[in-house]
Amino acid sequence: MKKLIFISITIVIFSTKLFALDIQSKAIEINKNKIHYYQVDNSKSKLNLVMLTGIGTTANFWPKDFIERLSQKYNLYILDYRGINTDQDSSNLSYSIKDLANDTNAFIKKLNLKDTYLLGWSMGGAIALQTEFDNPKAFKQVFLISPAVPLDIKPQLPKKLAENPVLKTKADIYNYVFSNNLYNYSPKDLAKNTARFINPDISKLFPTNKTYAKQKKYLTSWVSNKDSLKNFTNIKTPTTFFLAKNDEILNPNDTQKSLDLIKNKSLINIIHFSKSGHAIDWDKSAKLSSIINSLG
């Protein structure tokens, strides 16, 4: 996919067929930054689902089969974070959770989205939570897949995120990422899984190393922030948490300890998945999408 070029301050659009999808790649200016996103329309639905990806990945990381199933119920807005997959220089941009949440709320306001649901995976879960903290009345429900949440303990960067592996080939990169995120992954499944990406081009699949480093720093800060924890314990929007029992990135037991602190338990729903890694949308795509569709 070529770099998107802004021909005005509005939107640039092109479409390509993916599976049975008509997915549109768009760009828009939000808070003086360029935001790339994918849009999948459902002409029979008035429900909108905004999707936020995880740390060190881009909007292209979502599996197409998961997207296709969700599009049967919702109009989808699959966001990249500021500057990513655009021609904007992102080297000096802030990737704080607060700033990315502000971008998300501004995006929803600019597109005048109604009947809106919010979905976040991993770091995207933290951003979804902060987005909800800042604007709780904007969402009918929030869905969180293996989310990073505020902790009432001193957080440490997960071991998998602290690693600096030597990856010499594209196959090395794919296999490393899949082995971290998928349950019982085998390299023999490489071709099958790379075909599931919206766009498997590595240059479009991951942000720069500098951006990734900033994401890790800001996420660690947000997770340990007392205001984040206070807001979390006082959640005001119906929220469903999807947790993987075999998550090797984030410890679901730590997440559960924070969930136990939430005051209004009637607002939360917790669903556990066995034999799934951190990326439940990959390991349990059909089951997860069916649940999300049923809750809309």
Foldseek 3Di string as FASTA:
>chain_A
DDADDDPDQAKDWDWDDDDNWTKIWMWHAFPNFIKIKIKTADPVELAEEEEAEAFFWFLQAFFQVLVVLLNVQHTYIRIGFTPASHPDDCLPPAPALLVRLNRVLRVCVVVVRANYEYEYAACGQSSQLSNCLVPVVRYQEYEYALYQAAFPDQDDQQPLLPDDDDQDDPLSVQVSVCVQFWFPDDSVCSVVSCSRGNDNDPSNTGDDPSVSVSSSVNSSVLNHDPVRLVSLLARDHQYEYEEEPAERRDHVVRVVVSVVSRDPVVRYHYHYDYRTYSPCCVHVVVVVSVVVSVVD
